[in-house]
Amino acid sequence: MYIKDHIVRIENIKTLHALDAVNINHKVIALFMTCEGIPLKEFEVSAILNSFDSLGSKKIPSKKVQALLKAKQLSEDDDTFPCPV
């Protein structure tokens, strides 16, 4: 599954989470998001919500986070690397 064009905006993820919190069927959530211009299917809503819920469940050492951020910055500054996905 590709991350949909606008689903990366935190407001949309919060909307999905809020609708799920009040036990609205994922098929209905998918239809609502499609009407809002973000075509989603029921299984994609479930996958996004499951991924969202698992975020933050495991913490990594700050040293590793700093190394990842530095590597990202280095790749952004270097024009010889291909564009990241």
Protein backbone atom coordinates (compact mmCIF):
# COMPACT_ATOMS: atom_id res chain seq x y z
CA MET A 1 0.00 0.00 0.00
CA TYR A 2 1.25 3.45 -0.85
CA ILE A 3 0.74 6.20 1.67
CA LYS A 4 -2.00 8.24 0.08
CA ASP A 5 -1.25 11.74 -1.20
CA HIS A 6 -2.64 13.64 1.78
CA ILE A 7 -2.84 11.03 4.52
CA VAL A 8 0.57 12.07 5.82
CA ARG A 9 -0.96 15.27 7.13
CA ILE A 10 -1.40 14.78 10.85
CA GLU A 11 -4.89 16.31 10.79
CA ASN A 12 -6.10 13.47 8.58
CA ILE A 13 -4.54 10.81 10.78
CA LYS A 14 -6.14 12.46 13.82
CA THR A 15 -9.49 12.39 12.00
CA LEU A 16 -9.10 8.67 11.28
CA HIS A 17 -8.19 8.03 14.90
CA ALA A 18 -11.08 10.12 16.25
CA LEU A 19 -13.62 8.37 14.02
CA ASP A 20 -12.25 4.98 15.03
CA ALA A 21 -12.37 5.94 18.72
CA VAL A 22 -16.16 6.30 18.55
CA ASN A 23 -16.43 2.87 16.89
CA ILE A 24 -17.35 4.02 13.40
CA ASN A 25 -16.94 1.18 10.90
CA HIS A 26 -13.72 1.38 8.87
CA LYS A 27 -15.74 1.06 5.67
CA VAL A 28 -17.65 4.23 6.62
CA ILE A 29 -14.40 6.00 7.54
CA ALA A 30 -12.95 5.03 4.15
CA LEU A 31 -16.04 6.41 2.39
CA PHE A 32 -15.83 9.65 4.38
CA MET A 33 -12.15 10.11 3.53
CA THR A 34 -12.84 9.34 -0.13
CA CYS A 35 -15.52 12.05 -0.14
CA GLU A 36 -12.90 14.41 1.31
CA GLY A 37 -10.60 13.71 -1.64
CA ILE A 38 -8.42 11.01 -0.11
CA PRO A 39 -9.35 7.69 -1.74
CA LEU A 40 -9.01 4.97 0.90
CA LYS A 41 -10.23 1.43 1.18
CA GLU A 42 -11.41 -0.25 4.37
CA PHE A 43 -8.24 -2.35 4.77
CA GLU A 44 -6.07 0.75 4.30
CA VAL A 45 -7.89 2.55 7.12
CA SER A 46 -7.29 -0.48 9.36
CA ALA A 47 -3.61 -0.64 8.38
CA ILE A 48 -3.06 3.08 9.00
CA LEU A 49 -4.77 2.94 12.39
CA ASN A 50 -2.81 -0.16 13.44
CA SER A 51 0.45 1.50 12.40
CA PHE A 52 -0.51 4.70 14.21
CA ASP A 53 -1.32 2.77 17.40
CA SER A 54 2.01 0.95 17.33
CA LEU A 55 4.02 4.18 17.05
CA GLY A 56 5.81 5.01 20.24
CA SER A 57 5.40 1.54 21.71
CA LYS A 58 9.15 0.96 21.60
CA LYS A 59 11.71 3.64 22.28
CA ILE A 60 15.15 3.73 20.77
CA PRO A 61 18.17 5.37 22.36
CA SER A 62 18.60 9.07 21.61
CA LYS A 63 22.08 8.32 20.24
CA LYS A 64 20.50 6.28 17.43
CA VAL A 65 17.92 8.97 16.76
CA GLN A 66 20.66 11.58 16.44
CA ALA A 67 22.59 9.33 14.04
CA LEU A 68 19.48 8.81 11.88
CA LEU A 69 18.77 12.54 11.77
CA LYS A 70 22.37 13.30 10.88
CA ALA A 71 22.35 10.68 8.09
CA LYS A 72 19.16 12.15 6.71
CA GLN A 73 20.62 15.65 6.76
CA LEU A 74 23.77 14.46 5.01
CA SER A 75 21.76 12.80 2.26
CA GLU A 76 19.63 15.92 1.80
CA ASP A 77 22.71 18.12 1.45
CA ASP A 78 24.42 15.84 -1.08
CA ASP A 79 23.19 16.27 -4.68
CA THR A 80 24.86 13.04 -5.81
CA PHE A 81 22.35 10.85 -3.95
CA PRO A 82 19.09 10.02 -5.68
CA CYS A 83 15.94 11.58 -4.30
CA PRO A 84 14.67 9.54 -1.30
CA VAL A 85 11.29 7.92 -1.56
